[in-house]
C-alpha atoms as a PDB file:
ATOM      1  CA  GLY A   1      -3.619 -30.133   3.350  1.00  0.00           C
ATOM      2  CA  TYR A   2      -4.594 -26.681   4.391  1.00  0.00           C
ATOM      3  CA  GLY A   3      -1.021 -25.627   5.118  1.00  0.00           C
ATOM      4  CA  VAL A   4       0.122 -26.068   1.527  1.00  0.00           C
ATOM      5  CA  ALA A   5      -2.991 -24.365   0.186  1.00  0.00           C
ATOM      6  CA  ILE A   6      -2.625 -21.433   2.578  1.00  0.00           C
ATOM      7  CA  GLY A   7       1.100 -21.137   1.856  1.00  0.00           C
ATOM      8  CA  ALA A   8       0.641 -21.177  -1.910  1.00  0.00           C
ATOM      9  CA  THR A   9      -2.242 -18.733  -1.762  1.00  0.00           C
ATOM     10  CA  ALA A  10      -0.333 -16.449   0.602  1.00  0.00           C
ATOM     11  CA  PHE A  11       2.636 -16.445  -1.765  1.00  0.00           C
ATOM     12  CA  LEU A  12       0.384 -15.522  -4.691  1.00  0.00           C
ATOM     13  CA  PHE A  13      -1.276 -12.867  -2.525  1.00  0.00           C
ATOM     14  CA  GLY A  14       2.185 -11.466  -1.813  1.00  0.00           C
ATOM     15  CA  LEU A  15       3.115 -11.451  -5.487  1.00  0.00           C
ATOM     16  CA  ALA A  16      -0.125  -9.678  -6.345  1.00  0.00           C
ATOM     17  CA  HIS A  17       0.703  -6.967  -3.815  1.00  0.00           C
ATOM     18  CA  MET A  18       4.352  -6.578  -4.802  1.00  0.00           C
ATOM     19  CA  GLY A  19       5.011  -3.017  -5.844  1.00  0.00           C
ATOM     20  CA  TYR A  20       7.303  -1.937  -8.639  1.00  0.00           C
ATOM     21  CA  GLY A  21       9.460  -5.038  -8.560  1.00  0.00           C
ATOM     22  CA  GLN A  22      10.601  -4.559  -4.985  1.00  0.00           C
ATOM     23  CA  VAL A  23      10.966  -7.834  -3.122  1.00  0.00           C
ATOM     24  CA  TYR A  24      10.869  -6.589   0.484  1.00  0.00           C
ATOM     25  CA  PRO A  25       7.245  -5.368   0.407  1.00  0.00           C
ATOM     26  CA  ILE A  26       6.162  -8.900  -0.509  1.00  0.00           C
ATOM     27  CA  LEU A  27       6.807 -10.181   3.033  1.00  0.00           C
ATOM     28  CA  MET A  28       3.980  -8.350   4.791  1.00  0.00           C
ATOM     29  CA  PRO A  29       1.357  -9.402   2.232  1.00  0.00           C
ATOM     30  CA  ILE A  30       2.525 -13.011   2.518  1.00  0.00           C
ATOM     31  CA  VAL A  31       2.088 -12.857   6.290  1.00  0.00           C
ATOM     32  CA  MET A  32      -1.304 -11.215   5.793  1.00  0.00           C
ATOM     33  CA  GLY A  33      -2.212 -13.919   3.274  1.00  0.00           C
ATOM     34  CA  ILE A  34      -1.332 -16.616   5.784  1.00  0.00           C
ATOM     35  CA  LEU A  35      -3.464 -14.935   8.438  1.00  0.00           C
ATOM     36  CA  LEU A  36      -6.384 -14.457   6.061  1.00  0.00           C
ATOM     37  CA  GLY A  37      -6.089 -18.065   4.913  1.00  0.00           C
ATOM     38  CA  TYR A  38      -6.143 -19.193   8.519  1.00  0.00           C
ATOM     39  CA  VAL A  39      -9.293 -17.136   9.076  1.00  0.00           C
ATOM     40  CA  VAL A  40     -10.976 -18.885   6.138  1.00  0.00           C
ATOM     41  CA  VAL A  41     -10.031 -22.332   7.427  1.00  0.00           C
ATOM     42  CA  LYS A  42     -11.131 -21.595  10.984  1.00  0.00           C
ATOM     43  CA  THR A  43     -14.415 -19.914  10.076  1.00  0.00           C
ATOM     44  CA  LYS A  44     -15.101 -21.988   6.956  1.00  0.00           C
ATOM     45  CA  ASN A  45     -16.271 -18.733   5.448  1.00  0.00           C
ATOM     46  CA  LEU A  46     -14.520 -16.689   2.764  1.00  0.00           C
ATOM     47  CA  PHE A  47     -16.540 -13.593   3.665  1.00  0.00           C
ATOM     48  CA  SER A  48     -14.832 -13.390   7.062  1.00  0.00           C
ATOM     49  CA  SER A  49     -11.452 -13.162   5.358  1.00  0.00           C
ATOM     50  CA  ILE A  50     -12.722 -10.559   2.905  1.00  0.00           C
ATOM     51  CA  THR A  51     -14.103  -8.539   5.816  1.00  0.00           C
ATOM     52  CA  ALA A  52     -10.760  -8.766   7.628  1.00  0.00           C
ATOM     53  CA  HIS A  53      -8.938  -7.618   4.482  1.00  0.00           C
ATOM     54  CA  VAL A  54     -11.272  -4.657   3.957  1.00  0.00           C
ATOM     55  CA  THR A  55     -11.001  -3.709   7.631  1.00  0.00           C
ATOM     56  CA  PHE A  56      -7.206  -3.854   7.489  1.00  0.00           C
ATOM     57  CA  ASN A  57      -7.163  -1.693   4.363  1.00  0.00           C
ATOM     58  CA  LEU A  58      -9.590   0.796   5.881  1.00  0.00           C
ATOM     59  CA  VAL A  59      -7.612   1.123   9.110  1.00  0.00           C
ATOM     60  CA  THR A  60      -4.380   1.510   7.149  1.00  0.00           C
ATOM     61  CA  PHE A  61      -5.966   4.198   4.993  1.00  0.00           C
ATOM     62  CA  VAL A  62      -7.337   6.117   7.980  1.00  0.00           C
ATOM     63  CA  VAL A  63      -3.970   5.988   9.757  1.00  0.00           C
ATOM     64  CA  TYR A  64      -2.285   7.242   6.580  1.00  0.00           C
ATOM     65  CA  ILE A  65      -4.747  10.131   6.214  1.00  0.00           C
ATOM     66  CA  ILE A  66      -4.339  11.112   9.862  1.00  0.00           C
ATOM     67  CA  SER A  67      -0.549  10.953   9.637  1.00  0.00           C
ATOM     68  CA  GLN A  68      -0.580  13.104   6.504  1.00  0.00           C
ATOM     69  CA  SER A  69      -2.853  15.582   8.212  1.00  0.00           C
ATOM     70  CA  LEU A  70      -0.588  15.754  11.250  1.00  0.00           C
ATOM     71  CA  GLN A  71       2.505  16.192   9.096  1.00  0.00           C
ATOM     72  CA  SER A  72       0.992  19.011   7.086  1.00  0.00           C
ATOM     73  CA  SER A  73      -0.212  20.803  10.212  1.00  0.00           C
ATOM     74  CA  THR A  74       3.234  20.699  11.833  1.00  0.00           C
ATOM     75  CA  LEU A  75       5.113  22.112   8.845  1.00  0.00           C
END
C-alpha cells in the first residue's frame, strides 16, 4: 500500500540527503520524505509535494541568511 511506498521513498530521500557519511542528518530528511509522500497521496498531485519541498528549502535558506547576517552584525 501507500505506507510501504512512502516509507521506502522517504528512506531513499533520506539517503540522498545524507551528508558526508553522517547518519544523524538522515533522520530529518526521512521525516520530510514521509510528510512529502503523504502530501502526494492526499492531493494526488506530485507538484504539490515539489512545491512544499521548494518552499521548505527557500524558508530554510532565508532563515540561514538572516541568521548569518545577525551573527556578523553582532561581532
